[in-house]
Amino acid sequence: MIATWNAVLNETARHFSKAHQGTTAMVFDAYSWLTNVFDHAADFGITNTTSFCPEYGNWDIDTNYAAYGCDPIYEYFWYNSGHITYHTHQILATKLNEFLSTKAVCGKTDGGRAVNWGMK
């Protein structure tokens, strides 16, 4: 489903740029980048990708996590069952900034395998 969505989104961006002279529509593939972060979590300072702190809703969870039996929130990939932590968001934002700064990241290789974290 995600691959289909990305294909349609990329094609729509191409058509938009073609139809609107002087514009460039770019698509950043957040799913692929976050999958990379998930698969190499330790490289990003993330130690927990399988669960989240069940007490994430407490007002002081960021500074008082131990009182709730949790690890530091920034060490988790997941904030809750449907959202990533602020640390994971920061990792994503850094990559998105890099993507926008270079205008495209397409076709690079990572250890011999092709990666496509964003395309023009």
N, C-alpha and C. Protein backbone atom coordinates (compact mmCIF):
# COMPACT_ATOMS: atom_id res chain seq x y z
N MET A 1 0.81 -1.18 0.00
CA MET A 1 0.00 0.00 0.00
C MET A 1 0.87 1.26 0.00
N ILE A 2 1.92 1.27 0.80
CA ILE A 2 2.79 2.44 0.87
C ILE A 2 3.53 2.64 -0.45
N ALA A 3 3.98 1.54 -1.07
CA ALA A 3 4.67 1.65 -2.35
C ALA A 3 3.74 2.23 -3.42
N THR A 4 2.49 1.81 -3.41
CA THR A 4 1.51 2.35 -4.36
C THR A 4 1.28 3.83 -4.10
N TRP A 5 1.09 4.18 -2.84
CA TRP A 5 0.89 5.59 -2.48
C TRP A 5 2.07 6.43 -2.94
N ASN A 6 3.29 5.97 -2.67
CA ASN A 6 4.48 6.72 -3.06
C ASN A 6 4.58 6.88 -4.57
N ALA A 7 4.25 5.82 -5.31
CA ALA A 7 4.29 5.90 -6.78
C ALA A 7 3.30 6.93 -7.30
N VAL A 8 2.10 6.92 -6.77
CA VAL A 8 1.08 7.90 -7.19
C VAL A 8 1.51 9.31 -6.79
N LEU A 9 2.02 9.46 -5.59
CA LEU A 9 2.47 10.78 -5.12
C LEU A 9 3.60 11.32 -5.99
N ASN A 10 4.57 10.47 -6.32
CA ASN A 10 5.68 10.90 -7.17
C ASN A 10 5.21 11.29 -8.56
N GLU A 11 4.31 10.52 -9.11
CA GLU A 11 3.77 10.84 -10.44
C GLU A 11 2.98 12.14 -10.40
N THR A 12 2.22 12.35 -9.36
CA THR A 12 1.46 13.60 -9.20
C THR A 12 2.41 14.79 -9.10
N ALA A 13 3.48 14.63 -8.35
CA ALA A 13 4.47 15.71 -8.22
C ALA A 13 5.11 16.03 -9.57
N ARG A 14 5.42 15.00 -10.34
CA ARG A 14 6.01 15.22 -11.67
C ARG A 14 5.04 15.97 -12.57
N HIS A 15 3.78 15.54 -12.57
CA HIS A 15 2.76 16.20 -13.40
C HIS A 15 2.55 17.65 -12.95
N PHE A 16 2.56 17.88 -11.66
CA PHE A 16 2.37 19.24 -11.14
C PHE A 16 3.49 20.15 -11.63
N SER A 17 4.72 19.69 -11.51
CA SER A 17 5.86 20.50 -11.95
C SER A 17 5.81 20.76 -13.45
N LYS A 18 5.40 19.76 -14.20
CA LYS A 18 5.30 19.91 -15.65
C LYS A 18 4.19 20.90 -16.02
N ALA A 19 3.08 20.85 -15.31
CA ALA A 19 1.93 21.71 -15.61
C ALA A 19 2.10 23.14 -15.10
N HIS A 20 3.00 23.34 -14.17
CA HIS A 20 3.19 24.66 -13.57
C HIS A 20 4.64 25.10 -13.76
N GLN A 21 4.90 25.70 -14.89
CA GLN A 21 6.25 26.14 -15.23
C GLN A 21 6.83 26.99 -14.11
N GLY A 22 8.10 26.79 -13.83
CA GLY A 22 8.78 27.56 -12.79
C GLY A 22 8.63 26.97 -11.40
N THR A 23 7.95 25.84 -11.30
CA THR A 23 7.81 25.19 -9.99
C THR A 23 8.54 23.86 -9.99
N THR A 24 8.90 23.43 -8.84
CA THR A 24 9.49 22.11 -8.66
C THR A 24 8.82 21.47 -7.46
N ALA A 25 8.12 20.41 -7.70
CA ALA A 25 7.50 19.65 -6.60
C ALA A 25 8.45 18.52 -6.23
N MET A 26 8.75 18.42 -4.96
CA MET A 26 9.64 17.37 -4.49
C MET A 26 8.90 16.50 -3.48
N VAL A 27 9.25 15.24 -3.47
CA VAL A 27 8.63 14.29 -2.55
C VAL A 27 9.72 13.67 -1.70
N PHE A 28 9.54 13.74 -0.41
CA PHE A 28 10.48 13.11 0.52
C PHE A 28 9.84 11.83 1.03
N ASP A 29 10.51 10.72 0.88
CA ASP A 29 9.98 9.42 1.28
C ASP A 29 10.29 9.18 2.76
N ALA A 30 9.44 9.71 3.61
CA ALA A 30 9.62 9.57 5.06
C ALA A 30 9.56 8.12 5.50
N TYR A 31 8.72 7.33 4.86
CA TYR A 31 8.59 5.92 5.23
C TYR A 31 9.93 5.19 5.09
N SER A 32 10.59 5.35 3.95
CA SER A 32 11.87 4.67 3.74
C SER A 32 12.93 5.16 4.72
N TRP A 33 12.95 6.46 4.97
CA TRP A 33 13.94 7.00 5.91
C TRP A 33 13.67 6.48 7.32
N LEU A 34 12.42 6.50 7.75
CA LEU A 34 12.10 6.01 9.10
C LEU A 34 12.35 4.51 9.22
N THR A 35 12.15 3.77 8.14
CA THR A 35 12.49 2.34 8.14
C THR A 35 13.99 2.17 8.34
N ASN A 36 14.78 3.00 7.69
CA ASN A 36 16.23 2.97 7.87
C ASN A 36 16.60 3.28 9.32
N VAL A 37 15.99 4.30 9.89
CA VAL A 37 16.25 4.66 11.29
C VAL A 37 15.86 3.49 12.19
N PHE A 38 14.70 2.91 11.95
CA PHE A 38 14.22 1.78 12.74
C PHE A 38 15.20 0.60 12.66
N ASP A 39 15.64 0.29 11.43
CA ASP A 39 16.54 -0.84 11.22
C ASP A 39 17.95 -0.61 11.77
N HIS A 40 18.34 0.64 11.95
CA HIS A 40 19.67 0.99 12.46
C HIS A 40 19.54 1.90 13.68
N ALA A 41 18.61 1.57 14.53
CA ALA A 41 18.24 2.42 15.67
C ALA A 41 19.43 2.83 16.53
N ALA A 42 20.31 1.91 16.82
CA ALA A 42 21.44 2.21 17.70
C ALA A 42 22.32 3.33 17.13
N ASP A 43 22.40 3.41 15.81
CA ASP A 43 23.18 4.47 15.17
C ASP A 43 22.61 5.86 15.46
N PHE A 44 21.36 5.89 15.87
CA PHE A 44 20.67 7.16 16.13
C PHE A 44 20.39 7.38 17.62
N GLY A 45 20.99 6.53 18.47
CA GLY A 45 20.80 6.68 19.91
C GLY A 45 19.48 6.14 20.41
N ILE A 46 18.83 5.32 19.61
CA ILE A 46 17.55 4.73 20.00
C ILE A 46 17.81 3.31 20.47
N THR A 47 17.34 2.99 21.67
CA THR A 47 17.59 1.66 22.23
C THR A 47 16.34 0.79 22.26
N ASN A 48 15.17 1.37 22.04
CA ASN A 48 13.93 0.60 22.13
C ASN A 48 13.06 0.88 20.91
N THR A 49 12.89 -0.15 20.08
CA THR A 49 12.03 -0.04 18.90
C THR A 49 10.81 -0.94 19.00
N THR A 50 10.71 -1.71 20.07
CA THR A 50 9.64 -2.71 20.16
C THR A 50 8.48 -2.30 21.05
N SER A 51 8.67 -1.27 21.85
CA SER A 51 7.59 -0.86 22.75
C SER A 51 7.69 0.64 22.99
N PHE A 52 6.83 1.13 23.86
CA PHE A 52 6.85 2.53 24.26
C PHE A 52 6.58 2.58 25.75
N CYS A 53 6.84 3.69 26.37
CA CYS A 53 6.56 3.86 27.79
C CYS A 53 5.05 3.95 27.97
N PRO A 54 4.44 3.01 28.69
CA PRO A 54 2.98 3.05 28.84
C PRO A 54 2.48 4.27 29.61
N GLU A 55 3.36 4.95 30.28
CA GLU A 55 2.98 6.15 31.05
C GLU A 55 3.33 7.43 30.29
N TYR A 56 3.41 7.34 28.98
CA TYR A 56 3.82 8.48 28.15
C TYR A 56 2.97 9.72 28.33
N GLY A 57 1.75 9.58 28.82
CA GLY A 57 0.84 10.72 28.94
C GLY A 57 1.05 11.58 30.17
N ASN A 58 1.90 11.17 31.09
CA ASN A 58 2.13 11.97 32.30
C ASN A 58 2.90 13.25 31.97
N TRP A 59 2.52 14.31 32.63
CA TRP A 59 3.06 15.63 32.33
C TRP A 59 4.57 15.73 32.51
N ASP A 60 5.14 14.91 33.40
CA ASP A 60 6.57 15.00 33.68
C ASP A 60 7.36 13.81 33.12
N ILE A 61 6.79 13.10 32.17
CA ILE A 61 7.43 11.89 31.67
C ILE A 61 8.82 12.15 31.06
N ASP A 62 9.01 13.32 30.50
CA ASP A 62 10.29 13.61 29.86
C ASP A 62 11.43 13.73 30.87
N THR A 63 11.13 14.20 32.05
CA THR A 63 12.18 14.39 33.06
C THR A 63 12.10 13.40 34.22
N ASN A 64 10.94 12.77 34.39
CA ASN A 64 10.73 11.89 35.54
C ASN A 64 10.37 10.47 35.08
N TYR A 65 10.90 10.05 33.96
CA TYR A 65 10.57 8.76 33.35
C TYR A 65 10.82 7.58 34.28
N ALA A 66 11.89 7.63 35.08
CA ALA A 66 12.24 6.51 35.97
C ALA A 66 11.15 6.25 37.00
N ALA A 67 10.46 7.30 37.43
CA ALA A 67 9.37 7.13 38.40
C ALA A 67 8.23 6.30 37.83
N TYR A 68 8.17 6.21 36.53
CA TYR A 68 7.11 5.45 35.86
C TYR A 68 7.62 4.12 35.31
N GLY A 69 8.86 3.78 35.65
CA GLY A 69 9.44 2.52 35.21
C GLY A 69 9.85 2.52 33.75
N CYS A 70 10.16 3.69 33.22
CA CYS A 70 10.50 3.81 31.80
C CYS A 70 11.96 4.22 31.62
N ASP A 71 12.45 3.99 30.43
CA ASP A 71 13.75 4.52 30.03
C ASP A 71 13.54 5.96 29.58
N PRO A 72 14.63 6.70 29.37
CA PRO A 72 14.47 8.06 28.83
C PRO A 72 13.65 8.02 27.53
N ILE A 73 12.70 8.91 27.41
CA ILE A 73 11.80 8.89 26.26
C ILE A 73 12.55 9.01 24.95
N TYR A 74 13.64 9.77 24.91
CA TYR A 74 14.39 9.94 23.67
C TYR A 74 15.06 8.65 23.20
N GLU A 75 15.12 7.63 24.05
CA GLU A 75 15.70 6.36 23.64
C GLU A 75 14.69 5.45 22.94
N TYR A 76 13.43 5.84 22.98
CA TYR A 76 12.38 5.06 22.31
C TYR A 76 12.19 5.56 20.88
N PHE A 77 11.86 4.65 19.99
CA PHE A 77 11.43 5.03 18.64
C PHE A 77 9.98 5.49 18.69
N TRP A 78 9.16 4.74 19.43
CA TRP A 78 7.72 5.01 19.52
C TRP A 78 7.38 5.80 20.77
N TYR A 79 6.58 6.85 20.60
CA TYR A 79 6.05 7.61 21.74
C TYR A 79 4.84 6.91 22.33
N ASN A 80 3.99 6.41 21.45
CA ASN A 80 2.84 5.58 21.84
C ASN A 80 2.57 4.63 20.69
N SER A 81 1.42 4.01 20.66
CA SER A 81 1.16 2.99 19.65
C SER A 81 1.01 3.54 18.24
N GLY A 82 0.94 4.85 18.07
CA GLY A 82 0.75 5.39 16.73
C GLY A 82 1.62 6.58 16.38
N HIS A 83 2.52 6.97 17.27
CA HIS A 83 3.32 8.17 17.03
C HIS A 83 4.78 7.93 17.41
N ILE A 84 5.67 8.57 16.68
CA ILE A 84 7.09 8.48 16.99
C ILE A 84 7.44 9.53 18.05
N THR A 85 8.56 9.31 18.73
CA THR A 85 9.00 10.25 19.77
C THR A 85 9.53 11.54 19.16
N TYR A 86 9.70 12.54 20.01
CA TYR A 86 10.27 13.80 19.54
C TYR A 86 11.69 13.58 19.03
N HIS A 87 12.43 12.66 19.63
CA HIS A 87 13.79 12.36 19.16
C HIS A 87 13.74 11.81 17.74
N THR A 88 12.82 10.89 17.49
CA THR A 88 12.67 10.34 16.15
C THR A 88 12.23 11.44 15.18
N HIS A 89 11.36 12.33 15.63
CA HIS A 89 10.97 13.47 14.79
C HIS A 89 12.18 14.34 14.45
N GLN A 90 13.06 14.55 15.43
CA GLN A 90 14.26 15.37 15.18
C GLN A 90 15.16 14.71 14.15
N ILE A 91 15.29 13.40 14.22
CA ILE A 91 16.09 12.66 13.23
C ILE A 91 15.47 12.82 11.85
N LEU A 92 14.16 12.69 11.78
CA LEU A 92 13.44 12.87 10.51
C LEU A 92 13.61 14.30 9.99
N ALA A 93 13.48 15.28 10.87
CA ALA A 93 13.59 16.68 10.46
C ALA A 93 14.99 17.00 9.94
N THR A 94 16.01 16.42 10.56
CA THR A 94 17.38 16.63 10.10
C THR A 94 17.55 16.10 8.68
N LYS A 95 17.02 14.92 8.41
CA LYS A 95 17.13 14.34 7.07
C LYS A 95 16.30 15.14 6.08
N LEU A 96 15.13 15.59 6.47
CA LEU A 96 14.29 16.40 5.59
C LEU A 96 14.99 17.72 5.27
N ASN A 97 15.62 18.33 6.25
CA ASN A 97 16.38 19.56 6.01
C ASN A 97 17.51 19.32 5.01
N GLU A 98 18.20 18.20 5.17
CA GLU A 98 19.26 17.84 4.23
C GLU A 98 18.68 17.67 2.83
N PHE A 99 17.57 16.98 2.73
CA PHE A 99 16.89 16.77 1.45
C PHE A 99 16.53 18.09 0.79
N LEU A 100 15.91 18.97 1.55
CA LEU A 100 15.50 20.26 1.00
C LEU A 100 16.71 21.13 0.64
N SER A 101 17.76 21.03 1.43
CA SER A 101 18.97 21.83 1.18
C SER A 101 19.67 21.41 -0.10
N THR A 102 19.61 20.16 -0.42
CA THR A 102 20.27 19.66 -1.63
C THR A 102 19.30 19.51 -2.79
N LYS A 103 18.04 19.78 -2.57
CA LYS A 103 16.95 19.75 -3.54
C LYS A 103 16.54 18.36 -3.99
N ALA A 104 17.37 17.37 -3.75
CA ALA A 104 16.97 15.99 -4.07
C ALA A 104 18.01 15.04 -3.51
N VAL A 105 17.54 13.90 -3.07
CA VAL A 105 18.40 12.80 -2.66
C VAL A 105 17.83 11.60 -3.39
N CYS A 106 18.52 11.16 -4.41
CA CYS A 106 17.94 10.09 -5.23
C CYS A 106 19.04 9.21 -5.79
N GLY A 107 18.89 7.93 -5.63
CA GLY A 107 19.77 6.98 -6.26
C GLY A 107 21.13 6.80 -5.61
N LYS A 108 21.33 7.29 -4.41
CA LYS A 108 22.59 7.05 -3.72
C LYS A 108 22.64 5.58 -3.33
N THR A 109 23.82 5.14 -2.99
CA THR A 109 23.93 3.76 -2.53
C THR A 109 24.38 3.75 -1.09
N ASP A 110 23.97 2.72 -0.40
CA ASP A 110 24.32 2.53 1.00
C ASP A 110 24.85 1.12 1.13
N GLY A 111 26.15 0.97 1.13
CA GLY A 111 26.74 -0.36 1.24
C GLY A 111 26.39 -1.25 0.07
N GLY A 112 26.26 -0.68 -1.11
CA GLY A 112 25.97 -1.48 -2.29
C GLY A 112 24.50 -1.63 -2.62
N ARG A 113 23.63 -1.23 -1.71
CA ARG A 113 22.20 -1.33 -2.02
C ARG A 113 21.68 0.06 -2.34
N ALA A 114 20.83 0.12 -3.33
CA ALA A 114 20.27 1.41 -3.73
C ALA A 114 19.30 1.92 -2.68
N VAL A 115 19.34 3.20 -2.43
CA VAL A 115 18.39 3.81 -1.52
C VAL A 115 17.72 4.95 -2.25
N ASN A 116 16.53 5.25 -1.84
CA ASN A 116 15.77 6.31 -2.48
C ASN A 116 14.93 6.97 -1.41
N TRP A 117 15.55 7.89 -0.68
CA TRP A 117 14.87 8.53 0.45
C TRP A 117 14.14 9.78 0.04
N GLY A 118 14.21 10.13 -1.18
CA GLY A 118 13.49 11.29 -1.66
C GLY A 118 13.79 11.45 -3.13
N MET A 119 12.88 12.03 -3.84
CA MET A 119 13.12 12.22 -5.26
C MET A 119 12.47 13.48 -5.74
N LYS A 120 12.97 13.97 -6.84
CA LYS A 120 12.41 15.16 -7.47
C LYS A 120 11.42 14.72 -8.52
